[in-house]
C-alpha cells in the first residue's frame, strides 16, 4: 500500500506539472499576438506622426491609447448622448465655446474636414462646453456659415473635466475602439492638405 500511494503521489505531481506547463505555454503563445498587434499600431501611429506639418505639429499622439469619458452630454435634439454612440468610427472631438475667438477661427475648417471626409468611418463631433445657450450657438454657426456640425452641449463641463480639458479649443482623436489616441491643444487648420492626409491614414489604419 505504501508503494502504491507513492506512485499515486508521483503521478499527481507529474500531472500537475504538465498542466502548469500547458497553461504557461498557452499564455506564452497568446501574448505575442496581442503584443504584435499593439506594436504594429504604435508603429503606424509613429509613421503618421512623422507626416505632421504646420499646425498639425501641435497634434500629439499618445504612446498608449487612453480611456475616454462615459459622462453624458446634451445632444442637439435635447436628449442625452455619450461618446459610446460613435463606437466603430474615427472621431475628431472638438471642445469649444461661443465666447472663444480661436474657436470661431477654427470651426469653418472643421466644417470643411467634415464635408470632405465625414461619413460611416469618420465624424467631426463638436461639443460646446460650459454655459453656451442654444440660441447663441445657432447664431455662432450661422455667422460663420457652418451647417454640418453638431450642436451638442456639455453645460456643466462634466465630460470635458473628466477628459482633462483645461483650455479651449481642444481637439481629441478617438479610435474605433473608443480610446483616445491623440490630442491637439489650441486651434488648427483642419482643412489643410496635411490634416486631411493624417485623418485619411488614421481611417485606413483602423479599418477592420
N, C-alpha and C. Protein backbone atom coordinates (compact mmCIF):
# COMPACT_ATOMS: atom_id res chain seq x y z
N UNK A 1 0.84 -1.21 0.00
CA UNK A 1 0.00 0.00 0.00
C UNK A 1 0.86 1.24 0.00
N UNK A 2 2.03 1.13 0.71
CA UNK A 2 2.91 2.29 0.78
C UNK A 2 3.44 2.66 -0.59
N UNK A 3 3.89 1.63 -1.37
CA UNK A 3 4.43 1.90 -2.71
C UNK A 3 3.35 2.42 -3.64
N UNK A 4 2.11 1.89 -3.53
CA UNK A 4 1.00 2.33 -4.38
C UNK A 4 0.72 3.80 -4.14
N UNK A 5 0.71 4.17 -2.84
CA UNK A 5 0.47 5.59 -2.52
C UNK A 5 1.57 6.46 -3.08
N UNK A 6 2.79 5.97 -3.03
CA UNK A 6 3.93 6.76 -3.53
C UNK A 6 3.82 6.98 -5.02
N UNK A 7 3.38 5.91 -5.74
CA UNK A 7 3.21 6.04 -7.19
C UNK A 7 2.12 7.05 -7.51
N UNK A 8 1.00 7.00 -6.77
CA UNK A 8 -0.09 7.96 -6.99
C UNK A 8 0.37 9.39 -6.76
N UNK A 9 1.17 9.56 -5.69
CA UNK A 9 1.67 10.91 -5.39
C UNK A 9 2.55 11.42 -6.52
N UNK A 10 3.45 10.49 -7.01
CA UNK A 10 4.32 10.91 -8.10
C UNK A 10 3.53 11.22 -9.36
N UNK A 11 2.48 10.45 -9.64
CA UNK A 11 1.63 10.67 -10.82
C UNK A 11 0.91 12.01 -10.72
N UNK A 12 0.44 12.31 -9.48
CA UNK A 12 -0.26 13.58 -9.28
C UNK A 12 0.67 14.74 -9.52
N UNK A 13 1.89 14.60 -9.03
CA UNK A 13 2.88 15.68 -9.23
C UNK A 13 3.19 15.87 -10.70
N UNK A 14 3.36 14.76 -11.42
CA UNK A 14 3.64 14.84 -12.86
C UNK A 14 2.49 15.50 -13.59
N UNK A 15 1.24 15.11 -13.24
CA UNK A 15 0.05 15.68 -13.89
C UNK A 15 -0.04 17.19 -13.64
N UNK A 16 0.20 17.57 -12.37
CA UNK A 16 0.14 19.00 -12.01
C UNK A 16 1.19 19.79 -12.77
N UNK A 17 2.38 19.23 -12.87
CA UNK A 17 3.47 19.92 -13.58
C UNK A 17 3.14 20.07 -15.06
N UNK A 18 2.58 19.02 -15.65
CA UNK A 18 2.22 19.08 -17.07
C UNK A 18 1.13 20.11 -17.32
N UNK A 19 0.14 20.14 -16.42
CA UNK A 19 -0.96 21.11 -16.57
C UNK A 19 -0.43 22.53 -16.47
N UNK A 20 0.46 22.76 -15.49
CA UNK A 20 1.04 24.10 -15.33
C UNK A 20 1.83 24.49 -16.56
N UNK A 21 2.58 23.53 -17.12
CA UNK A 21 3.36 23.80 -18.32
C UNK A 21 2.46 24.15 -19.50
N UNK A 22 1.33 23.43 -19.62
CA UNK A 22 0.40 23.68 -20.73
C UNK A 22 -0.20 25.07 -20.63
N UNK A 23 -0.57 25.48 -19.39
CA UNK A 23 -1.14 26.82 -19.20
C UNK A 23 -0.12 27.89 -19.53
N UNK A 24 1.11 27.66 -19.04
CA UNK A 24 2.17 28.64 -19.31
C UNK A 24 2.44 28.74 -20.80
N UNK A 25 2.42 27.60 -21.49
CA UNK A 25 2.66 27.60 -22.93
C UNK A 25 1.57 28.35 -23.66
N UNK A 26 0.31 28.16 -23.22
CA UNK A 26 -0.81 28.85 -23.87
C UNK A 26 -0.67 30.35 -23.71
N UNK A 27 -0.29 30.80 -22.49
CA UNK A 27 -0.10 32.22 -22.26
C UNK A 27 1.03 32.75 -23.12
N UNK A 28 2.11 31.96 -23.19
CA UNK A 28 3.27 32.38 -23.97
C UNK A 28 2.93 32.54 -25.45
N UNK A 29 2.10 31.62 -25.96
CA UNK A 29 1.74 31.67 -27.37
C UNK A 29 0.78 32.82 -27.65
N UNK A 30 -0.20 33.03 -26.75
CA UNK A 30 -1.23 34.04 -26.99
C UNK A 30 -0.71 35.45 -26.84
N UNK A 31 0.19 35.66 -25.86
CA UNK A 31 0.64 37.01 -25.55
C UNK A 31 1.29 37.73 -26.72
N UNK A 32 2.20 37.08 -27.50
CA UNK A 32 2.83 37.80 -28.60
C UNK A 32 1.86 38.30 -29.66
N UNK A 33 0.69 37.62 -29.82
CA UNK A 33 -0.27 38.04 -30.84
C UNK A 33 -0.78 39.45 -30.51
N UNK A 34 -1.23 39.62 -29.25
CA UNK A 34 -1.71 40.93 -28.81
C UNK A 34 -0.60 41.95 -28.86
N UNK A 35 0.57 41.54 -28.38
CA UNK A 35 1.71 42.45 -28.36
C UNK A 35 2.08 42.89 -29.77
N UNK A 36 2.04 41.93 -30.70
CA UNK A 36 2.38 42.25 -32.09
C UNK A 36 1.39 43.25 -32.67
N UNK A 37 0.10 43.07 -32.36
CA UNK A 37 -0.92 43.99 -32.88
C UNK A 37 -0.73 45.38 -32.31
N UNK A 38 -0.46 45.45 -30.99
CA UNK A 38 -0.23 46.74 -30.35
C UNK A 38 1.00 47.42 -30.91
N UNK A 39 2.04 46.62 -31.13
CA UNK A 39 3.28 47.17 -31.67
C UNK A 39 3.07 47.69 -33.08
N UNK A 40 2.30 46.95 -33.89
CA UNK A 40 2.02 47.39 -35.26
C UNK A 40 1.27 48.71 -35.26
N UNK A 41 0.28 48.85 -34.37
CA UNK A 41 -0.49 50.09 -34.28
C UNK A 41 0.39 51.24 -33.84
N UNK A 42 1.27 50.97 -32.87
CA UNK A 42 2.18 52.01 -32.38
C UNK A 42 3.12 52.46 -33.49
N UNK A 43 3.59 51.50 -34.28
CA UNK A 43 4.49 51.84 -35.38
C UNK A 43 3.77 52.67 -36.44
N UNK A 44 2.50 52.31 -36.70
CA UNK A 44 1.72 53.06 -37.68
C UNK A 44 1.49 54.48 -37.20
N UNK A 45 1.12 54.65 -35.91
CA UNK A 45 0.93 55.99 -35.36
C UNK A 45 2.22 56.79 -35.39
N UNK A 46 3.33 56.10 -35.15
CA UNK A 46 4.62 56.78 -35.21
C UNK A 46 4.89 57.29 -36.62
N UNK A 47 4.55 56.47 -37.62
CA UNK A 47 4.74 56.88 -39.01
C UNK A 47 3.82 58.05 -39.36
N UNK A 48 2.57 58.00 -38.88
CA UNK A 48 1.64 59.10 -39.13
C UNK A 48 2.13 60.37 -38.45
N UNK A 49 2.70 60.22 -37.26
CA UNK A 49 3.24 61.36 -36.54
C UNK A 49 4.33 62.07 -37.35
N UNK A 50 5.09 61.29 -38.08
CA UNK A 50 6.16 61.87 -38.91
C UNK A 50 5.61 62.70 -40.07
N UNK A 51 4.34 62.52 -40.41
CA UNK A 51 3.71 63.26 -41.50
C UNK A 51 3.39 64.71 -41.12
N UNK A 52 3.34 65.01 -39.83
CA UNK A 52 2.81 66.29 -39.35
C UNK A 52 3.62 67.48 -39.85
N UNK A 53 2.88 68.46 -40.33
CA UNK A 53 3.48 69.71 -40.79
C UNK A 53 2.62 70.87 -40.30
N UNK A 54 3.20 72.05 -40.23
CA UNK A 54 2.44 73.25 -39.88
C UNK A 54 1.68 73.10 -38.57
N UNK A 55 0.39 73.47 -38.59
CA UNK A 55 -0.44 73.39 -37.39
C UNK A 55 -0.53 71.99 -36.82
N UNK A 56 -0.40 70.99 -37.68
CA UNK A 56 -0.55 69.62 -37.23
C UNK A 56 0.60 69.17 -36.33
N UNK A 57 1.66 69.96 -36.26
CA UNK A 57 2.74 69.63 -35.33
C UNK A 57 2.28 69.76 -33.88
N UNK A 58 1.17 70.45 -33.67
CA UNK A 58 0.61 70.57 -32.32
C UNK A 58 -0.19 69.32 -31.93
N UNK A 59 -0.44 68.45 -32.89
CA UNK A 59 -1.17 67.22 -32.63
C UNK A 59 -0.22 66.18 -32.05
N UNK A 60 -0.46 65.78 -30.82
CA UNK A 60 0.39 64.81 -30.13
C UNK A 60 -0.30 63.47 -30.03
N UNK A 61 0.33 62.44 -30.59
CA UNK A 61 -0.20 61.09 -30.47
C UNK A 61 0.36 60.44 -29.21
N UNK A 62 -0.50 59.71 -28.50
CA UNK A 62 -0.09 59.08 -27.25
C UNK A 62 0.67 57.78 -27.53
N UNK A 63 1.61 57.46 -26.66
CA UNK A 63 2.34 56.20 -26.79
C UNK A 63 1.42 55.01 -26.49
N UNK A 64 0.40 55.24 -25.65
CA UNK A 64 -0.62 54.23 -25.36
C UNK A 64 -1.98 54.90 -25.40
N UNK A 65 -2.97 54.20 -25.95
CA UNK A 65 -4.32 54.76 -26.02
C UNK A 65 -4.88 54.94 -24.61
N UNK A 66 -5.81 55.91 -24.46
CA UNK A 66 -6.36 56.23 -23.16
C UNK A 66 -7.88 56.07 -23.17
N UNK A 67 -8.45 55.70 -22.02
CA UNK A 67 -9.91 55.60 -21.95
C UNK A 67 -10.56 56.97 -22.08
N UNK A 68 -11.77 57.01 -22.61
CA UNK A 68 -12.50 58.28 -22.72
C UNK A 68 -13.63 58.30 -21.70
N UNK A 69 -14.22 59.46 -21.52
CA UNK A 69 -15.27 59.62 -20.52
C UNK A 69 -16.57 58.96 -20.96
N UNK A 70 -17.31 58.43 -19.98
CA UNK A 70 -18.64 57.90 -20.25
C UNK A 70 -19.72 58.86 -19.75
N UNK A 71 -19.31 60.09 -19.38
CA UNK A 71 -20.27 61.08 -18.90
C UNK A 71 -21.19 61.49 -20.06
N UNK A 72 -22.47 61.69 -19.79
CA UNK A 72 -23.39 62.09 -20.86
C UNK A 72 -23.28 63.57 -21.19
N UNK A 73 -23.66 63.91 -22.41
CA UNK A 73 -23.77 65.31 -22.81
C UNK A 73 -25.18 65.52 -23.36
N UNK A 74 -25.54 66.77 -23.60
CA UNK A 74 -26.86 67.07 -24.16
C UNK A 74 -26.73 67.17 -25.67
N UNK A 75 -27.39 66.28 -26.38
CA UNK A 75 -27.31 66.29 -27.84
C UNK A 75 -28.13 67.45 -28.40
N UNK A 76 -27.94 67.73 -29.67
CA UNK A 76 -28.60 68.89 -30.27
C UNK A 76 -30.12 68.77 -30.30
N UNK A 77 -30.64 67.55 -30.15
CA UNK A 77 -32.09 67.38 -30.10
C UNK A 77 -32.63 67.44 -28.67
N UNK A 78 -31.75 67.71 -27.71
CA UNK A 78 -32.16 67.85 -26.33
C UNK A 78 -32.07 66.59 -25.49
N UNK A 79 -31.78 65.46 -26.12
CA UNK A 79 -31.66 64.20 -25.38
C UNK A 79 -30.25 63.99 -24.85
N UNK A 80 -30.08 62.88 -24.17
CA UNK A 80 -28.75 62.52 -23.65
C UNK A 80 -27.96 61.79 -24.73
N UNK A 81 -26.68 62.09 -24.79
CA UNK A 81 -25.79 61.40 -25.71
C UNK A 81 -24.52 61.02 -24.97
N UNK A 82 -23.80 60.05 -25.50
CA UNK A 82 -22.50 59.67 -24.94
C UNK A 82 -21.54 59.43 -26.10
N UNK A 83 -20.26 59.43 -25.81
CA UNK A 83 -19.27 59.18 -26.85
C UNK A 83 -19.33 57.74 -27.35
N UNK A 84 -19.93 56.86 -26.55
CA UNK A 84 -20.03 55.45 -26.94
C UNK A 84 -20.86 55.28 -28.21
N UNK A 85 -21.73 56.25 -28.52
CA UNK A 85 -22.57 56.12 -29.70
C UNK A 85 -21.78 56.23 -31.00
N UNK A 86 -20.52 56.66 -30.89
CA UNK A 86 -19.67 56.77 -32.08
C UNK A 86 -18.70 55.58 -32.20
N UNK A 87 -18.91 54.57 -31.37
CA UNK A 87 -18.03 53.40 -31.41
C UNK A 87 -18.02 52.80 -32.82
N UNK A 88 -16.84 52.49 -33.30
CA UNK A 88 -16.70 51.95 -34.65
C UNK A 88 -16.27 52.99 -35.66
N UNK A 89 -16.24 54.26 -35.25
CA UNK A 89 -15.81 55.35 -36.13
C UNK A 89 -14.56 56.03 -35.57
N UNK A 90 -13.81 56.64 -36.46
CA UNK A 90 -12.76 57.56 -36.02
C UNK A 90 -13.46 58.88 -35.72
N UNK A 91 -13.21 59.43 -34.54
CA UNK A 91 -13.88 60.66 -34.12
C UNK A 91 -12.87 61.75 -33.83
N UNK A 92 -13.13 62.92 -34.39
CA UNK A 92 -12.36 64.10 -34.05
C UNK A 92 -13.28 64.96 -33.17
N UNK A 93 -13.07 64.88 -31.86
CA UNK A 93 -13.94 65.54 -30.88
C UNK A 93 -13.37 66.91 -30.53
N UNK A 94 -14.13 67.95 -30.85
CA UNK A 94 -13.67 69.32 -30.64
C UNK A 94 -14.47 69.98 -29.52
N UNK A 95 -13.77 70.44 -28.49
CA UNK A 95 -14.38 71.18 -27.39
C UNK A 95 -14.26 72.67 -27.69
N UNK A 96 -15.38 73.41 -27.59
CA UNK A 96 -15.39 74.81 -27.97
C UNK A 96 -16.38 75.59 -27.11
N UNK A 97 -16.47 76.90 -27.36
CA UNK A 97 -17.45 77.75 -26.67
C UNK A 97 -17.74 78.96 -27.56
N UNK A 98 -18.92 79.53 -27.38
CA UNK A 98 -19.34 80.67 -28.21
C UNK A 98 -18.48 81.91 -27.97
N UNK A 99 -17.89 82.03 -26.78
CA UNK A 99 -17.08 83.21 -26.45
C UNK A 99 -15.62 83.06 -26.87
N UNK A 100 -15.27 81.91 -27.42
CA UNK A 100 -13.88 81.57 -27.75
C UNK A 100 -13.51 82.03 -29.15
N UNK A 101 -12.66 83.07 -29.23
CA UNK A 101 -12.26 83.62 -30.53
C UNK A 101 -11.50 82.60 -31.40
N UNK A 102 -10.54 81.85 -30.85
CA UNK A 102 -9.87 80.83 -31.67
C UNK A 102 -10.84 79.77 -32.18
N UNK A 103 -11.90 79.50 -31.42
CA UNK A 103 -12.91 78.53 -31.86
C UNK A 103 -13.63 79.05 -33.10
N UNK A 104 -13.92 80.32 -33.11
CA UNK A 104 -14.58 80.94 -34.26
C UNK A 104 -13.69 80.84 -35.51
N UNK A 105 -12.40 81.00 -35.32
CA UNK A 105 -11.45 80.89 -36.43
C UNK A 105 -11.34 79.46 -36.94
N UNK A 106 -11.38 78.51 -36.01
CA UNK A 106 -11.14 77.10 -36.35
C UNK A 106 -12.37 76.38 -36.91
N UNK A 107 -13.56 76.75 -36.44
CA UNK A 107 -14.76 75.97 -36.74
C UNK A 107 -15.03 75.79 -38.25
N UNK A 108 -14.88 76.83 -39.09
CA UNK A 108 -15.11 76.60 -40.52
C UNK A 108 -14.18 75.55 -41.12
N UNK A 109 -12.97 75.43 -40.58
CA UNK A 109 -12.01 74.44 -41.07
C UNK A 109 -12.43 73.03 -40.65
N UNK A 110 -12.99 72.93 -39.46
CA UNK A 110 -13.54 71.64 -39.02
C UNK A 110 -14.73 71.25 -39.90
N UNK A 111 -15.53 72.26 -40.27
CA UNK A 111 -16.66 72.02 -41.16
C UNK A 111 -16.20 71.50 -42.51
N UNK A 112 -15.12 72.07 -43.03
CA UNK A 112 -14.58 71.61 -44.32
C UNK A 112 -14.07 70.18 -44.21
N UNK A 113 -13.43 69.85 -43.09
CA UNK A 113 -12.93 68.49 -42.89
C UNK A 113 -14.09 67.49 -42.85
N UNK A 114 -15.17 67.87 -42.16
CA UNK A 114 -16.35 67.01 -42.10
C UNK A 114 -16.97 66.83 -43.48
N UNK A 115 -17.03 67.91 -44.24
CA UNK A 115 -17.60 67.83 -45.59
C UNK A 115 -16.75 66.93 -46.49
N UNK A 116 -15.45 66.96 -46.27
CA UNK A 116 -14.52 66.20 -47.12
C UNK A 116 -14.49 64.72 -46.74
N UNK A 117 -14.43 64.41 -45.43
CA UNK A 117 -14.18 63.04 -45.00
C UNK A 117 -15.29 62.43 -44.14
N UNK A 118 -16.24 63.23 -43.71
CA UNK A 118 -17.29 62.72 -42.82
C UNK A 118 -18.12 61.63 -43.46
N UNK A 119 -18.48 60.63 -42.67
CA UNK A 119 -19.27 59.51 -43.18
C UNK A 119 -19.28 58.38 -42.18
N UNK A 120 -19.46 57.16 -42.67
CA UNK A 120 -19.55 56.00 -41.79
C UNK A 120 -18.25 55.73 -41.03
N UNK A 121 -17.11 56.13 -41.60
CA UNK A 121 -15.82 55.84 -40.99
C UNK A 121 -15.29 56.97 -40.11
N UNK A 122 -15.78 58.17 -40.31
CA UNK A 122 -15.19 59.33 -39.63
C UNK A 122 -16.23 60.40 -39.37
N UNK A 123 -16.13 61.02 -38.18
CA UNK A 123 -17.03 62.11 -37.83
C UNK A 123 -16.28 63.20 -37.07
N UNK A 124 -16.56 64.45 -37.42
CA UNK A 124 -16.15 65.57 -36.59
C UNK A 124 -17.32 65.81 -35.63
N UNK A 125 -17.05 65.75 -34.34
CA UNK A 125 -18.08 65.95 -33.32
C UNK A 125 -17.70 67.18 -32.50
N UNK A 126 -18.55 68.20 -32.54
CA UNK A 126 -18.27 69.43 -31.79
C UNK A 126 -19.13 69.48 -30.53
N UNK A 127 -18.50 69.85 -29.42
CA UNK A 127 -19.16 69.85 -28.12
C UNK A 127 -18.88 71.17 -27.41
N UNK A 128 -19.92 71.98 -27.27
CA UNK A 128 -19.79 73.27 -26.58
C UNK A 128 -19.75 73.01 -25.08
N UNK A 129 -18.69 73.43 -24.42
CA UNK A 129 -18.54 73.16 -23.01
C UNK A 129 -18.69 74.43 -22.18
N UNK A 130 -19.39 74.31 -21.07
CA UNK A 130 -19.66 75.48 -20.23
C UNK A 130 -21.03 76.07 -20.56
N UNK A 131 -21.24 77.31 -20.17
CA UNK A 131 -22.55 77.96 -20.33
C UNK A 131 -22.70 78.50 -21.75
N UNK A 132 -23.22 77.67 -22.61
CA UNK A 132 -23.48 78.04 -24.01
C UNK A 132 -24.94 77.77 -24.30
N UNK A 133 -25.72 78.82 -24.50
CA UNK A 133 -27.14 78.66 -24.77
C UNK A 133 -27.35 78.30 -26.24
N UNK A 134 -28.34 77.47 -26.51
CA UNK A 134 -28.59 77.01 -27.87
C UNK A 134 -28.81 78.15 -28.87
N UNK A 135 -29.58 79.21 -28.54
CA UNK A 135 -29.74 80.31 -29.50
C UNK A 135 -28.39 80.96 -29.86
N UNK A 136 -27.52 81.11 -28.87
CA UNK A 136 -26.20 81.70 -29.13
C UNK A 136 -25.34 80.77 -29.98
N UNK A 137 -25.47 79.48 -29.75
CA UNK A 137 -24.71 78.51 -30.54
C UNK A 137 -25.16 78.51 -32.00
N UNK A 138 -26.47 78.55 -32.20
CA UNK A 138 -27.00 78.60 -33.57
C UNK A 138 -26.57 79.88 -34.28
N UNK A 139 -26.58 80.99 -33.54
CA UNK A 139 -26.15 82.26 -34.12
C UNK A 139 -24.67 82.20 -34.49
N UNK A 140 -23.87 81.61 -33.62
CA UNK A 140 -22.44 81.43 -33.86
C UNK A 140 -22.20 80.68 -35.16
N UNK A 141 -22.89 79.55 -35.34
CA UNK A 141 -22.74 78.75 -36.55
C UNK A 141 -23.25 79.50 -37.78
N UNK A 142 -24.34 80.23 -37.62
CA UNK A 142 -24.90 80.97 -38.76
C UNK A 142 -23.94 82.06 -39.23
N UNK A 143 -23.31 82.74 -38.29
CA UNK A 143 -22.40 83.83 -38.63
C UNK A 143 -21.17 83.35 -39.39
N UNK A 144 -20.71 82.14 -39.07
CA UNK A 144 -19.52 81.61 -39.76
C UNK A 144 -19.91 80.64 -40.88
N UNK A 145 -21.22 80.55 -41.15
CA UNK A 145 -21.77 79.75 -42.26
C UNK A 145 -21.39 78.27 -42.15
N UNK A 146 -21.60 77.72 -40.96
CA UNK A 146 -21.37 76.29 -40.71
C UNK A 146 -22.71 75.63 -40.44
N UNK A 147 -23.03 74.60 -41.20
CA UNK A 147 -24.33 73.93 -41.01
C UNK A 147 -24.22 72.40 -41.00
N UNK A 148 -23.00 71.88 -40.92
CA UNK A 148 -22.85 70.42 -40.98
C UNK A 148 -22.17 69.84 -39.73
N UNK A 149 -22.12 70.62 -38.64
CA UNK A 149 -21.51 70.14 -37.41
C UNK A 149 -22.54 70.09 -36.28
N UNK A 150 -22.26 69.26 -35.31
CA UNK A 150 -23.21 69.01 -34.22
C UNK A 150 -23.25 70.16 -33.22
N UNK A 151 -24.45 70.42 -32.70
CA UNK A 151 -24.65 71.44 -31.68
C UNK A 151 -24.87 70.75 -30.33
N UNK A 152 -23.94 69.89 -29.96
CA UNK A 152 -24.01 69.21 -28.68
C UNK A 152 -23.48 70.12 -27.58
N UNK A 153 -23.96 69.88 -26.33
CA UNK A 153 -23.56 70.75 -25.22
C UNK A 153 -23.12 69.93 -24.00
N UNK A 154 -22.17 70.51 -23.29
CA UNK A 154 -21.68 69.96 -22.03
C UNK A 154 -21.74 71.09 -21.00
N UNK A 155 -22.97 71.52 -20.63
CA UNK A 155 -23.15 72.75 -19.86
C UNK A 155 -22.46 72.78 -18.50
N UNK A 156 -22.40 71.64 -17.82
CA UNK A 156 -21.75 71.59 -16.51
C UNK A 156 -20.31 71.10 -16.58
N UNK A 157 -19.82 70.96 -17.80
CA UNK A 157 -18.43 70.58 -18.06
C UNK A 157 -18.04 69.24 -17.43
N UNK A 158 -19.02 68.37 -17.24
CA UNK A 158 -18.72 67.08 -16.63
C UNK A 158 -17.84 66.23 -17.53
N UNK A 159 -18.19 66.18 -18.82
CA UNK A 159 -17.42 65.36 -19.75
C UNK A 159 -16.04 65.97 -20.00
N UNK A 160 -16.00 67.28 -20.24
CA UNK A 160 -14.72 67.93 -20.54
C UNK A 160 -13.75 67.82 -19.35
N UNK A 161 -14.26 67.99 -18.14
CA UNK A 161 -13.40 67.86 -16.97
C UNK A 161 -12.92 66.43 -16.80
N UNK A 162 -13.80 65.49 -17.06
CA UNK A 162 -13.44 64.08 -16.94
C UNK A 162 -12.35 63.70 -17.93
N UNK A 163 -12.30 64.43 -19.05
CA UNK A 163 -11.28 64.14 -20.06
C UNK A 163 -10.08 65.08 -19.95
N UNK A 164 -10.04 65.89 -18.89
CA UNK A 164 -8.87 66.72 -18.65
C UNK A 164 -8.72 67.88 -19.61
N UNK A 165 -9.83 68.42 -20.09
CA UNK A 165 -9.78 69.59 -20.99
C UNK A 165 -9.65 70.85 -20.13
N UNK A 166 -8.55 71.55 -20.29
CA UNK A 166 -8.26 72.70 -19.44
C UNK A 166 -8.37 74.03 -20.17
N UNK A 167 -8.37 74.02 -21.48
CA UNK A 167 -8.47 75.25 -22.26
C UNK A 167 -9.16 74.98 -23.58
N UNK A 168 -9.67 76.03 -24.20
CA UNK A 168 -10.40 75.91 -25.46
C UNK A 168 -9.74 76.74 -26.56
N UNK A 169 -9.84 76.24 -27.80
CA UNK A 169 -10.38 74.92 -28.18
C UNK A 169 -9.41 73.79 -27.85
N UNK A 170 -9.95 72.61 -27.77
CA UNK A 170 -9.14 71.40 -27.59
C UNK A 170 -9.77 70.31 -28.45
N UNK A 171 -8.92 69.55 -29.11
CA UNK A 171 -9.41 68.51 -30.02
C UNK A 171 -8.80 67.16 -29.64
N UNK A 172 -9.67 66.17 -29.51
CA UNK A 172 -9.26 64.83 -29.13
C UNK A 172 -9.58 63.87 -30.28
N UNK A 173 -8.65 63.01 -30.61
CA UNK A 173 -8.89 62.00 -31.64
C UNK A 173 -9.14 60.66 -30.96
N UNK A 174 -10.26 60.05 -31.32
CA UNK A 174 -10.70 58.79 -30.71
C UNK A 174 -10.74 57.71 -31.79
N UNK A 175 -10.18 56.53 -31.47
CA UNK A 175 -10.16 55.45 -32.45
C UNK A 175 -11.46 54.67 -32.46
N UNK A 176 -11.54 53.67 -33.31
CA UNK A 176 -12.78 52.90 -33.47
C UNK A 176 -13.15 52.12 -32.21
N UNK A 177 -12.17 51.83 -31.38
CA UNK A 177 -12.42 51.08 -30.16
C UNK A 177 -12.85 51.99 -29.01
N UNK A 178 -12.99 53.28 -29.28
CA UNK A 178 -13.41 54.21 -28.25
C UNK A 178 -12.31 54.60 -27.29
N UNK A 179 -11.07 54.71 -27.78
CA UNK A 179 -9.94 55.11 -26.97
C UNK A 179 -9.29 56.38 -27.56
N UNK A 180 -8.85 57.25 -26.67
CA UNK A 180 -8.17 58.46 -27.13
C UNK A 180 -6.75 58.10 -27.58
N UNK A 181 -6.41 58.51 -28.80
CA UNK A 181 -5.07 58.20 -29.32
C UNK A 181 -4.25 59.46 -29.58
N UNK A 182 -4.89 60.63 -29.52
CA UNK A 182 -4.15 61.86 -29.77
C UNK A 182 -4.92 63.07 -29.32
N UNK A 183 -4.21 64.20 -29.17
CA UNK A 183 -4.86 65.43 -28.71
C UNK A 183 -4.10 66.64 -29.25
N UNK A 184 -4.86 67.69 -29.58
CA UNK A 184 -4.27 68.95 -30.03
C UNK A 184 -4.88 70.08 -29.20
N UNK A 185 -4.03 70.87 -28.58
CA UNK A 185 -4.49 72.00 -27.78
C UNK A 185 -4.38 73.28 -28.60
N UNK A 186 -5.47 74.05 -28.63
CA UNK A 186 -5.49 75.27 -29.42
C UNK A 186 -6.15 75.04 -30.77
N UNK A 187 -6.24 76.11 -31.56
CA UNK A 187 -6.88 75.98 -32.86
C UNK A 187 -5.87 75.51 -33.91
N UNK A 188 -6.39 74.97 -34.99
CA UNK A 188 -5.54 74.46 -36.06
C UNK A 188 -6.30 74.46 -37.37
N UNK A 189 -5.56 74.42 -38.47
CA UNK A 189 -6.18 74.38 -39.79
C UNK A 189 -6.48 72.93 -40.15
N UNK A 190 -7.68 72.48 -39.76
CA UNK A 190 -8.09 71.11 -40.02
C UNK A 190 -8.52 70.89 -41.47
N UNK A 191 -8.58 71.95 -42.25
CA UNK A 191 -8.94 71.81 -43.66
C UNK A 191 -7.71 71.68 -44.55
N UNK A 192 -6.53 71.74 -43.95
CA UNK A 192 -5.30 71.69 -44.74
C UNK A 192 -5.10 70.32 -45.37
N UNK A 193 -4.30 70.28 -46.39
CA UNK A 193 -3.98 69.02 -47.06
C UNK A 193 -3.31 68.05 -46.10
N UNK A 194 -2.45 68.59 -45.23
CA UNK A 194 -1.75 67.74 -44.26
C UNK A 194 -2.71 67.13 -43.25
N UNK A 195 -3.66 67.92 -42.77
CA UNK A 195 -4.65 67.40 -41.81
C UNK A 195 -5.50 66.31 -42.45
N UNK A 196 -5.94 66.54 -43.70
CA UNK A 196 -6.75 65.55 -44.38
C UNK A 196 -5.97 64.25 -44.62
N UNK A 197 -4.68 64.39 -44.92
CA UNK A 197 -3.85 63.21 -45.15
C UNK A 197 -3.68 62.40 -43.86
N UNK A 198 -3.50 63.09 -42.75
CA UNK A 198 -3.34 62.41 -41.46
C UNK A 198 -4.62 61.67 -41.07
N UNK A 199 -5.75 62.35 -41.19
CA UNK A 199 -7.02 61.70 -40.86
C UNK A 199 -7.28 60.53 -41.80
N UNK A 200 -6.95 60.69 -43.07
CA UNK A 200 -7.11 59.60 -44.03
C UNK A 200 -6.31 58.37 -43.64
N UNK A 201 -5.09 58.58 -43.16
CA UNK A 201 -4.26 57.46 -42.73
C UNK A 201 -4.82 56.81 -41.47
N UNK A 202 -5.37 57.61 -40.57
CA UNK A 202 -5.99 57.05 -39.36
C UNK A 202 -7.20 56.19 -39.72
N UNK A 203 -7.97 56.64 -40.68
CA UNK A 203 -9.12 55.86 -41.12
C UNK A 203 -8.69 54.53 -41.71
N UNK A 204 -7.65 54.55 -42.51
CA UNK A 204 -7.16 53.31 -43.12
C UNK A 204 -6.56 52.37 -42.07
N UNK A 205 -5.86 52.96 -41.09
CA UNK A 205 -5.22 52.14 -40.06
C UNK A 205 -6.27 51.40 -39.23
N UNK A 206 -7.40 52.01 -39.00
CA UNK A 206 -8.42 51.44 -38.15
C UNK A 206 -9.54 50.74 -38.91
N UNK A 207 -9.40 50.62 -40.22
CA UNK A 207 -10.43 49.93 -40.99
C UNK A 207 -10.37 48.44 -40.69
N UNK A 208 -11.49 47.84 -40.27
CA UNK A 208 -11.48 46.40 -39.94
C UNK A 208 -11.05 45.55 -41.12
